[in-house]
Structures are given as structure tokens and as C-alpha cells.
N, C-alpha and C. Protein backbone atom coordinates (compact mmCIF):
# COMPACT_ATOMS: atom_id res chain seq x y z
N MET A 1 -5.61 16.32 -4.48
CA MET A 1 -4.20 16.10 -4.75
C MET A 1 -3.64 15.21 -3.64
N LEU A 2 -2.96 14.17 -4.01
CA LEU A 2 -2.39 13.24 -3.04
C LEU A 2 -0.92 13.56 -2.82
N GLY A 3 -0.45 13.29 -1.64
CA GLY A 3 0.96 13.55 -1.36
C GLY A 3 1.50 12.59 -0.34
N LEU A 4 2.77 12.65 -0.14
CA LEU A 4 3.44 11.86 0.87
C LEU A 4 4.09 12.83 1.85
N ARG A 5 3.86 12.62 3.12
CA ARG A 5 4.46 13.47 4.14
C ARG A 5 5.58 12.69 4.80
N GLU A 6 6.77 13.24 4.77
CA GLU A 6 7.90 12.57 5.39
C GLU A 6 7.85 12.76 6.90
N THR A 7 8.12 11.71 7.63
CA THR A 7 8.20 11.78 9.09
C THR A 7 9.53 11.18 9.49
N ASP A 8 10.57 11.99 9.40
CA ASP A 8 11.94 11.51 9.59
C ASP A 8 12.17 10.84 10.94
N GLU A 9 11.43 11.25 11.96
CA GLU A 9 11.63 10.70 13.30
C GLU A 9 11.53 9.17 13.29
N PHE A 10 10.64 8.65 12.46
CA PHE A 10 10.43 7.20 12.42
C PHE A 10 10.90 6.59 11.11
N ASN A 11 11.61 7.37 10.30
CA ASN A 11 12.09 6.87 9.02
C ASN A 11 10.95 6.38 8.15
N THR A 12 9.85 7.11 8.17
CA THR A 12 8.67 6.71 7.40
C THR A 12 8.20 7.85 6.52
N PHE A 13 7.29 7.54 5.65
CA PHE A 13 6.56 8.58 4.96
C PHE A 13 5.11 8.15 4.85
N ASP A 14 4.22 9.13 4.88
CA ASP A 14 2.79 8.88 4.84
C ASP A 14 2.21 9.40 3.54
N ILE A 15 1.16 8.74 3.08
CA ILE A 15 0.43 9.19 1.91
C ILE A 15 -0.83 9.86 2.42
N TYR A 16 -1.16 11.03 1.91
CA TYR A 16 -2.36 11.71 2.38
C TYR A 16 -2.98 12.55 1.28
N ASP A 17 -4.20 12.94 1.52
CA ASP A 17 -4.91 13.83 0.62
C ASP A 17 -4.74 15.24 1.17
N GLY A 18 -3.80 15.97 0.61
CA GLY A 18 -3.45 17.29 1.12
C GLY A 18 -4.53 18.34 0.97
N SER A 19 -5.55 18.06 0.19
CA SER A 19 -6.61 19.06 -0.01
C SER A 19 -7.74 18.90 1.00
N ASP A 20 -7.68 17.85 1.82
CA ASP A 20 -8.78 17.56 2.73
C ASP A 20 -8.51 18.11 4.13
N ASP A 21 -8.48 19.44 4.24
CA ASP A 21 -8.15 20.09 5.51
C ASP A 21 -9.20 19.82 6.58
N GLN A 22 -10.46 19.70 6.22
CA GLN A 22 -11.50 19.46 7.21
C GLN A 22 -11.31 18.08 7.86
N PHE A 23 -10.98 17.08 7.06
CA PHE A 23 -10.71 15.75 7.59
C PHE A 23 -9.55 15.83 8.58
N TYR A 24 -8.50 16.58 8.21
CA TYR A 24 -7.34 16.72 9.08
C TYR A 24 -7.73 17.36 10.42
N LYS A 25 -8.53 18.42 10.36
CA LYS A 25 -8.96 19.11 11.58
C LYS A 25 -9.76 18.18 12.50
N GLU A 26 -10.61 17.33 11.91
CA GLU A 26 -11.46 16.45 12.70
C GLU A 26 -10.71 15.24 13.26
N TYR A 27 -9.80 14.68 12.47
CA TYR A 27 -9.18 13.41 12.86
C TYR A 27 -7.69 13.51 13.19
N GLY A 28 -7.07 14.65 12.97
CA GLY A 28 -5.67 14.84 13.32
C GLY A 28 -4.68 14.23 12.36
N HIS A 29 -5.16 13.74 11.23
CA HIS A 29 -4.27 13.23 10.19
C HIS A 29 -5.00 13.34 8.86
N TYR A 30 -4.27 13.23 7.78
CA TYR A 30 -4.89 13.29 6.46
C TYR A 30 -5.49 11.94 6.10
N SER A 31 -6.47 11.95 5.20
CA SER A 31 -7.03 10.68 4.75
C SER A 31 -5.97 9.93 3.94
N CYS A 32 -6.14 8.64 3.82
CA CYS A 32 -5.11 7.77 3.26
C CYS A 32 -5.31 7.51 1.77
N PHE A 33 -4.33 6.88 1.17
CA PHE A 33 -4.28 6.59 -0.26
C PHE A 33 -4.93 5.24 -0.53
N SER A 34 -6.00 5.24 -1.31
CA SER A 34 -6.73 4.01 -1.62
C SER A 34 -5.95 3.16 -2.62
N VAL A 35 -5.76 1.90 -2.29
CA VAL A 35 -5.05 0.98 -3.18
C VAL A 35 -5.82 0.80 -4.48
N GLU A 36 -7.14 0.80 -4.41
CA GLU A 36 -7.94 0.55 -5.60
C GLU A 36 -8.27 1.81 -6.40
N ARG A 37 -8.50 2.92 -5.73
CA ARG A 37 -9.08 4.08 -6.42
C ARG A 37 -8.15 5.25 -6.69
N ASP A 38 -7.17 5.53 -5.87
CA ASP A 38 -6.38 6.74 -6.04
C ASP A 38 -5.35 6.60 -7.16
N ASP A 39 -5.01 7.73 -7.75
CA ASP A 39 -4.13 7.78 -8.91
C ASP A 39 -2.72 8.21 -8.48
N PRO A 40 -1.73 7.33 -8.61
CA PRO A 40 -0.36 7.68 -8.21
C PRO A 40 0.20 8.88 -8.97
N LYS A 41 -0.34 9.17 -10.14
CA LYS A 41 0.14 10.32 -10.91
C LYS A 41 -0.19 11.64 -10.22
N LYS A 42 -1.11 11.59 -9.25
CA LYS A 42 -1.50 12.81 -8.54
C LYS A 42 -0.79 12.99 -7.20
N VAL A 43 0.19 12.13 -6.93
CA VAL A 43 0.95 12.27 -5.69
C VAL A 43 1.71 13.59 -5.74
N ILE A 44 1.59 14.39 -4.69
CA ILE A 44 2.27 15.69 -4.64
C ILE A 44 3.77 15.46 -4.74
N ASN A 45 4.41 16.18 -5.67
CA ASN A 45 5.86 16.05 -5.90
C ASN A 45 6.26 14.59 -6.12
N GLY A 46 5.38 13.82 -6.74
CA GLY A 46 5.59 12.39 -6.93
C GLY A 46 6.85 12.04 -7.67
N ASP A 47 7.20 12.81 -8.70
CA ASP A 47 8.41 12.53 -9.46
C ASP A 47 9.62 13.29 -8.93
N GLU A 48 9.38 14.34 -8.15
CA GLU A 48 10.47 15.19 -7.68
C GLU A 48 11.13 14.66 -6.41
N VAL A 49 10.35 14.03 -5.54
CA VAL A 49 10.90 13.59 -4.25
C VAL A 49 11.36 12.14 -4.36
N ILE A 50 12.64 11.95 -4.10
CA ILE A 50 13.25 10.62 -4.18
C ILE A 50 13.26 10.00 -2.78
N VAL A 51 12.64 8.82 -2.66
CA VAL A 51 12.60 8.10 -1.40
C VAL A 51 13.94 7.43 -1.14
N THR A 52 14.52 6.86 -2.19
CA THR A 52 15.82 6.20 -2.07
C THR A 52 16.54 6.25 -3.42
N ALA A 53 17.86 6.31 -3.37
CA ALA A 53 18.67 6.31 -4.59
C ALA A 53 18.91 4.89 -5.09
N ALA A 54 18.51 3.89 -4.33
CA ALA A 54 18.76 2.49 -4.69
C ALA A 54 18.05 2.10 -5.99
N GLU A 55 18.63 1.11 -6.67
CA GLU A 55 18.00 0.56 -7.87
C GLU A 55 17.02 -0.55 -7.53
N LYS A 56 17.20 -1.16 -6.36
CA LYS A 56 16.33 -2.27 -5.95
C LYS A 56 16.08 -2.17 -4.46
N ILE A 57 14.80 -2.28 -4.10
CA ILE A 57 14.42 -2.34 -2.69
C ILE A 57 13.45 -3.50 -2.52
N THR A 58 13.31 -3.95 -1.30
CA THR A 58 12.36 -5.00 -0.98
C THR A 58 11.30 -4.42 -0.06
N VAL A 59 10.03 -4.72 -0.38
CA VAL A 59 8.91 -4.23 0.41
C VAL A 59 8.16 -5.44 0.96
N ILE A 60 7.87 -5.40 2.27
CA ILE A 60 7.15 -6.49 2.92
C ILE A 60 5.66 -6.18 2.93
N PHE A 61 4.88 -7.07 2.38
CA PHE A 61 3.42 -6.98 2.36
C PHE A 61 2.89 -8.01 3.35
N SER A 62 2.07 -7.58 4.30
CA SER A 62 1.57 -8.54 5.29
C SER A 62 0.09 -8.40 5.62
N TYR A 63 -0.53 -7.29 5.27
CA TYR A 63 -1.94 -7.07 5.66
C TYR A 63 -2.79 -6.93 4.42
N PRO A 64 -3.87 -7.60 4.33
CA PRO A 64 -4.47 -8.62 5.19
C PRO A 64 -4.14 -10.02 4.68
N LEU A 65 -2.91 -10.40 4.82
CA LEU A 65 -2.42 -11.67 4.30
C LEU A 65 -2.05 -12.60 5.44
N LYS A 66 -1.93 -13.89 5.14
CA LYS A 66 -1.68 -14.89 6.18
C LYS A 66 -0.24 -14.84 6.71
N GLY A 67 0.61 -14.10 6.08
CA GLY A 67 2.01 -14.01 6.51
C GLY A 67 2.67 -12.80 5.90
N LYS A 68 3.99 -12.79 5.96
CA LYS A 68 4.77 -11.70 5.38
C LYS A 68 5.34 -12.16 4.04
N PHE A 69 5.11 -11.35 3.03
CA PHE A 69 5.56 -11.67 1.68
C PHE A 69 6.42 -10.53 1.17
N ARG A 70 7.57 -10.87 0.61
CA ARG A 70 8.52 -9.86 0.13
C ARG A 70 8.45 -9.74 -1.39
N PHE A 71 8.40 -8.49 -1.83
CA PHE A 71 8.38 -8.19 -3.25
C PHE A 71 9.43 -7.13 -3.52
N ASP A 72 10.11 -7.26 -4.67
CA ASP A 72 11.17 -6.31 -5.02
C ASP A 72 10.67 -5.26 -5.98
N LEU A 73 11.02 -4.03 -5.70
CA LEU A 73 10.78 -2.90 -6.60
C LEU A 73 12.13 -2.60 -7.24
N ASN A 74 12.20 -2.72 -8.55
CA ASN A 74 13.43 -2.48 -9.29
C ASN A 74 13.25 -1.26 -10.19
N LYS A 75 14.25 -0.38 -10.20
CA LYS A 75 14.23 0.77 -11.09
C LYS A 75 15.63 0.99 -11.62
N SER A 76 15.78 0.75 -12.91
CA SER A 76 17.08 0.93 -13.55
C SER A 76 17.55 2.37 -13.34
N GLY A 77 18.75 2.54 -12.87
CA GLY A 77 19.29 3.87 -12.62
C GLY A 77 18.98 4.39 -11.23
N GLY A 78 18.14 3.68 -10.49
CA GLY A 78 17.83 4.08 -9.11
C GLY A 78 16.91 5.27 -9.02
N ASN A 79 16.99 5.96 -7.89
CA ASN A 79 16.15 7.12 -7.62
C ASN A 79 14.66 6.78 -7.64
N ILE A 80 14.26 5.95 -6.71
CA ILE A 80 12.85 5.55 -6.57
C ILE A 80 12.09 6.70 -5.92
N THR A 81 11.05 7.15 -6.60
CA THR A 81 10.29 8.32 -6.16
C THR A 81 9.05 7.92 -5.36
N ARG A 82 8.38 8.93 -4.84
CA ARG A 82 7.11 8.71 -4.13
C ARG A 82 6.08 8.08 -5.07
N LYS A 83 6.02 8.59 -6.28
CA LYS A 83 5.07 8.03 -7.25
C LYS A 83 5.40 6.58 -7.57
N ASP A 84 6.68 6.26 -7.74
CA ASP A 84 7.10 4.87 -7.99
C ASP A 84 6.61 3.96 -6.86
N PHE A 85 6.78 4.45 -5.63
CA PHE A 85 6.37 3.66 -4.46
C PHE A 85 4.87 3.41 -4.49
N ALA A 86 4.07 4.46 -4.70
CA ALA A 86 2.61 4.32 -4.71
C ALA A 86 2.17 3.37 -5.83
N GLU A 87 2.76 3.51 -7.02
CA GLU A 87 2.41 2.63 -8.14
C GLU A 87 2.77 1.17 -7.83
N PHE A 88 3.93 0.97 -7.22
CA PHE A 88 4.38 -0.38 -6.89
C PHE A 88 3.44 -1.04 -5.88
N ILE A 89 3.07 -0.31 -4.85
CA ILE A 89 2.18 -0.87 -3.83
C ILE A 89 0.84 -1.24 -4.46
N GLN A 90 0.28 -0.33 -5.27
CA GLN A 90 -1.00 -0.62 -5.92
C GLN A 90 -0.89 -1.84 -6.83
N SER A 91 0.09 -1.86 -7.70
CA SER A 91 0.19 -2.96 -8.67
C SER A 91 0.47 -4.29 -7.98
N THR A 92 1.24 -4.27 -6.91
CA THR A 92 1.53 -5.52 -6.20
C THR A 92 0.28 -6.06 -5.53
N TYR A 93 -0.49 -5.18 -4.86
CA TYR A 93 -1.74 -5.65 -4.25
C TYR A 93 -2.71 -6.16 -5.31
N ARG A 94 -2.78 -5.52 -6.45
CA ARG A 94 -3.66 -6.00 -7.52
C ARG A 94 -3.25 -7.39 -7.98
N CYS A 95 -1.94 -7.61 -8.11
CA CYS A 95 -1.45 -8.94 -8.50
C CYS A 95 -1.75 -9.98 -7.43
N ILE A 96 -1.55 -9.61 -6.16
CA ILE A 96 -1.83 -10.54 -5.05
C ILE A 96 -3.30 -10.96 -5.09
N TYR A 97 -4.20 -9.99 -5.20
CA TYR A 97 -5.63 -10.30 -5.19
C TYR A 97 -6.04 -11.09 -6.43
N GLU A 98 -5.45 -10.77 -7.58
CA GLU A 98 -5.78 -11.51 -8.81
C GLU A 98 -5.25 -12.94 -8.73
N GLU A 99 -4.04 -13.11 -8.25
CA GLU A 99 -3.47 -14.46 -8.13
C GLU A 99 -4.29 -15.29 -7.14
N GLU A 100 -4.70 -14.67 -6.06
CA GLU A 100 -5.52 -15.37 -5.06
C GLU A 100 -6.87 -15.77 -5.67
N ARG A 101 -7.46 -14.85 -6.46
CA ARG A 101 -8.75 -15.13 -7.10
C ARG A 101 -8.65 -16.32 -8.05
N LYS A 102 -7.57 -16.37 -8.81
CA LYS A 102 -7.37 -17.48 -9.75
C LYS A 102 -7.17 -18.81 -9.04
N GLY A 103 -6.60 -18.77 -7.84
CA GLY A 103 -6.32 -20.00 -7.10
C GLY A 103 -7.48 -20.52 -6.28
N ILE A 104 -8.60 -19.79 -6.28
CA ILE A 104 -9.75 -20.17 -5.46
C ILE A 104 -10.79 -20.87 -6.32
N LYS A 105 -11.24 -22.00 -5.85
CA LYS A 105 -12.35 -22.68 -6.53
C LYS A 105 -13.63 -22.17 -5.91
N GLY A 106 -14.54 -21.68 -6.74
CA GLY A 106 -15.79 -21.12 -6.22
C GLY A 106 -15.60 -19.69 -5.79
N SER A 107 -16.47 -19.22 -4.92
CA SER A 107 -16.44 -17.83 -4.49
C SER A 107 -15.99 -17.72 -3.04
N TYR A 108 -15.18 -16.74 -2.74
CA TYR A 108 -14.76 -16.52 -1.36
C TYR A 108 -15.79 -15.67 -0.62
N GLY A 109 -16.47 -14.77 -1.30
CA GLY A 109 -17.57 -14.00 -0.71
C GLY A 109 -17.22 -13.27 0.57
N ASN A 110 -18.26 -12.98 1.34
CA ASN A 110 -18.10 -12.29 2.61
C ASN A 110 -18.36 -13.25 3.77
N ILE A 111 -17.91 -12.87 4.94
CA ILE A 111 -18.24 -13.60 6.15
C ILE A 111 -19.75 -13.46 6.34
N PRO A 112 -20.48 -14.54 6.57
CA PRO A 112 -21.93 -14.45 6.71
C PRO A 112 -22.35 -13.38 7.73
N GLY A 113 -23.25 -12.50 7.29
CA GLY A 113 -23.77 -11.44 8.15
C GLY A 113 -22.86 -10.23 8.27
N MET A 114 -21.74 -10.21 7.53
CA MET A 114 -20.79 -9.10 7.60
C MET A 114 -20.41 -8.64 6.20
N LEU A 115 -19.78 -7.49 6.13
CA LEU A 115 -19.25 -7.01 4.86
C LEU A 115 -17.77 -7.37 4.70
N ASN A 116 -17.19 -8.02 5.69
CA ASN A 116 -15.79 -8.41 5.62
C ASN A 116 -15.61 -9.62 4.71
N ARG A 117 -14.50 -9.63 4.00
CA ARG A 117 -14.18 -10.72 3.07
C ARG A 117 -13.89 -11.99 3.86
N ALA A 118 -14.48 -13.07 3.42
CA ALA A 118 -14.20 -14.36 4.04
C ALA A 118 -12.75 -14.75 3.73
N PRO A 119 -12.09 -15.46 4.61
CA PRO A 119 -10.71 -15.88 4.33
C PRO A 119 -10.66 -16.77 3.10
N SER A 120 -9.57 -16.64 2.37
CA SER A 120 -9.36 -17.53 1.24
C SER A 120 -8.11 -18.36 1.54
N TYR A 121 -7.97 -19.45 0.84
CA TYR A 121 -6.89 -20.38 1.15
C TYR A 121 -5.98 -20.56 -0.05
N GLY A 122 -5.78 -19.45 -0.76
CA GLY A 122 -4.85 -19.44 -1.88
C GLY A 122 -3.44 -19.16 -1.39
N PRO A 123 -2.56 -18.75 -2.28
CA PRO A 123 -1.15 -18.58 -1.92
C PRO A 123 -0.89 -17.51 -0.85
N TYR A 124 -1.78 -16.53 -0.73
CA TYR A 124 -1.55 -15.44 0.22
C TYR A 124 -2.49 -15.47 1.43
N GLY A 125 -3.53 -16.26 1.36
CA GLY A 125 -4.46 -16.37 2.49
C GLY A 125 -5.07 -15.03 2.88
N ILE A 126 -5.63 -14.33 1.91
CA ILE A 126 -6.24 -13.03 2.17
C ILE A 126 -7.41 -13.24 3.13
N TRP A 127 -7.54 -12.35 4.10
CA TRP A 127 -8.62 -12.47 5.09
C TRP A 127 -9.18 -11.07 5.41
N GLY A 128 -10.44 -11.00 5.62
CA GLY A 128 -11.07 -9.82 6.21
C GLY A 128 -11.35 -8.62 5.33
N HIS A 129 -10.61 -8.44 4.23
CA HIS A 129 -10.80 -7.21 3.46
C HIS A 129 -10.65 -7.43 1.96
N HIS A 130 -11.57 -6.82 1.23
CA HIS A 130 -11.48 -6.77 -0.23
C HIS A 130 -10.45 -5.70 -0.59
N ILE A 131 -9.94 -5.72 -1.80
CA ILE A 131 -8.93 -4.75 -2.21
C ILE A 131 -9.46 -3.32 -2.11
N GLY A 132 -10.75 -3.13 -2.34
CA GLY A 132 -11.34 -1.79 -2.25
C GLY A 132 -11.33 -1.22 -0.84
N ASP A 133 -11.11 -2.05 0.16
CA ASP A 133 -11.04 -1.60 1.55
C ASP A 133 -9.66 -1.05 1.91
N LEU A 134 -8.64 -1.43 1.18
CA LEU A 134 -7.26 -1.16 1.60
C LEU A 134 -6.81 0.26 1.32
N VAL A 135 -6.13 0.84 2.31
CA VAL A 135 -5.51 2.16 2.16
C VAL A 135 -4.07 2.08 2.66
N ILE A 136 -3.21 2.86 2.02
CA ILE A 136 -1.83 2.95 2.45
C ILE A 136 -1.76 4.05 3.50
N GLU A 137 -1.41 3.67 4.71
CA GLU A 137 -1.28 4.65 5.79
C GLU A 137 0.15 5.14 5.93
N GLY A 138 1.11 4.33 5.51
CA GLY A 138 2.49 4.75 5.59
C GLY A 138 3.44 3.66 5.17
N VAL A 139 4.70 4.04 5.03
CA VAL A 139 5.76 3.13 4.66
C VAL A 139 6.91 3.39 5.62
N LYS A 140 7.52 2.33 6.11
CA LYS A 140 8.61 2.47 7.07
C LYS A 140 9.86 1.78 6.56
N ARG A 141 10.97 2.49 6.60
CA ARG A 141 12.26 1.89 6.26
C ARG A 141 12.73 1.12 7.49
N ILE A 142 12.94 -0.20 7.33
CA ILE A 142 13.32 -1.01 8.49
C ILE A 142 14.72 -1.61 8.36
N GLY A 143 15.37 -1.34 7.25
CA GLY A 143 16.72 -1.84 7.04
C GLY A 143 17.27 -1.30 5.74
N ASP A 144 18.48 -1.73 5.39
CA ASP A 144 19.06 -1.31 4.12
C ASP A 144 18.19 -1.81 2.97
N ASN A 145 17.57 -0.87 2.28
CA ASN A 145 16.72 -1.19 1.12
C ASN A 145 15.58 -2.14 1.48
N LEU A 146 15.12 -2.11 2.72
CA LEU A 146 14.01 -2.94 3.18
C LEU A 146 12.95 -2.06 3.82
N TYR A 147 11.71 -2.20 3.35
CA TYR A 147 10.61 -1.36 3.81
C TYR A 147 9.42 -2.23 4.21
N SER A 148 8.65 -1.76 5.16
CA SER A 148 7.40 -2.42 5.52
C SER A 148 6.27 -1.41 5.31
N LEU A 149 5.09 -1.95 5.10
CA LEU A 149 3.92 -1.12 4.86
C LEU A 149 3.06 -1.00 6.09
N ARG A 150 2.47 0.16 6.28
CA ARG A 150 1.44 0.34 7.30
C ARG A 150 0.13 0.50 6.52
N MET A 151 -0.65 -0.57 6.50
CA MET A 151 -1.88 -0.60 5.73
C MET A 151 -3.07 -0.51 6.67
N GLY A 152 -4.15 0.05 6.17
CA GLY A 152 -5.39 0.13 6.93
C GLY A 152 -6.54 -0.28 6.04
N SER A 153 -7.71 -0.25 6.64
CA SER A 153 -8.91 -0.62 5.89
C SER A 153 -10.10 0.15 6.43
């Protein structure tokens, strides 16, 4: 079961696997939400917990991209939930990687001798990681209806 843990001190929330107590004991935090594999429908209290009452927010995507790119999450009537956030992050990264793939002539492959993704020179300049490597470590509110992502790999 996946969930989001609120950390009010930093105006953030984290996504974690709440059933993985052994991982927590060993590493001091829960495992993260996979952009490619985890199901947003399984986010703990995904529909019940409202992150913001706003109808529109902007989320900054920057890792592993060549810069900062802003995407808007719109929800008629507002009340953006944890599940909405997880679905938006997943779908946006999928679009970024697909758009980058379409803009590349030939194969981007891996860095020779490594499993890291070779840099591409499409619209987002993805470097170092395939989509299957990406995990959501947290989300931080940095302004009015403006959020940044803490991504890992």
C-alpha cells in the first residue's frame, strides 16, 4: 500500500510504501513511489487527503532534465488530492520521455560501460536515467500554487 506522509515543517509531503517496515528500520525512511511501476490508486487515503483546494497548480520538473520545466495540474472544482498528485507526476514524466523519444533520431541508449541513460538532445535533454529509474521522494510547496519535486533514482 502506498501513501503520502505529510511533513508540515518543510511544507512537503512524501510518498512511501507504508507496508515496508523492514526497509524503514534499515534505512530510516520508507521506500519511494516508482514513476513507472507504482499504482496511484493504491496511495493511502489518496482520494481523502486534499493537498490543496486550488483548481490549478504549477509543478516544476527538473530531474533528470536539462533545466526546469513547468507543467500545470488542473482540476475543475479544486481539491487536488494525493492520488491526483501521484497520477499527474507519473503521466507528465511519461509524456516527457515519450516526447523526447520522438524527437531523437536513432537510439539514445546507455553511456558506454554503464547502465545510465546517455544524454539526449531533445526538448527536455534527459540525462542519466531511464524512466524506470525514477522515484518520487517528495513534493515541496514553494509558493502560492507552486510546487517542486524531489526526485530520486
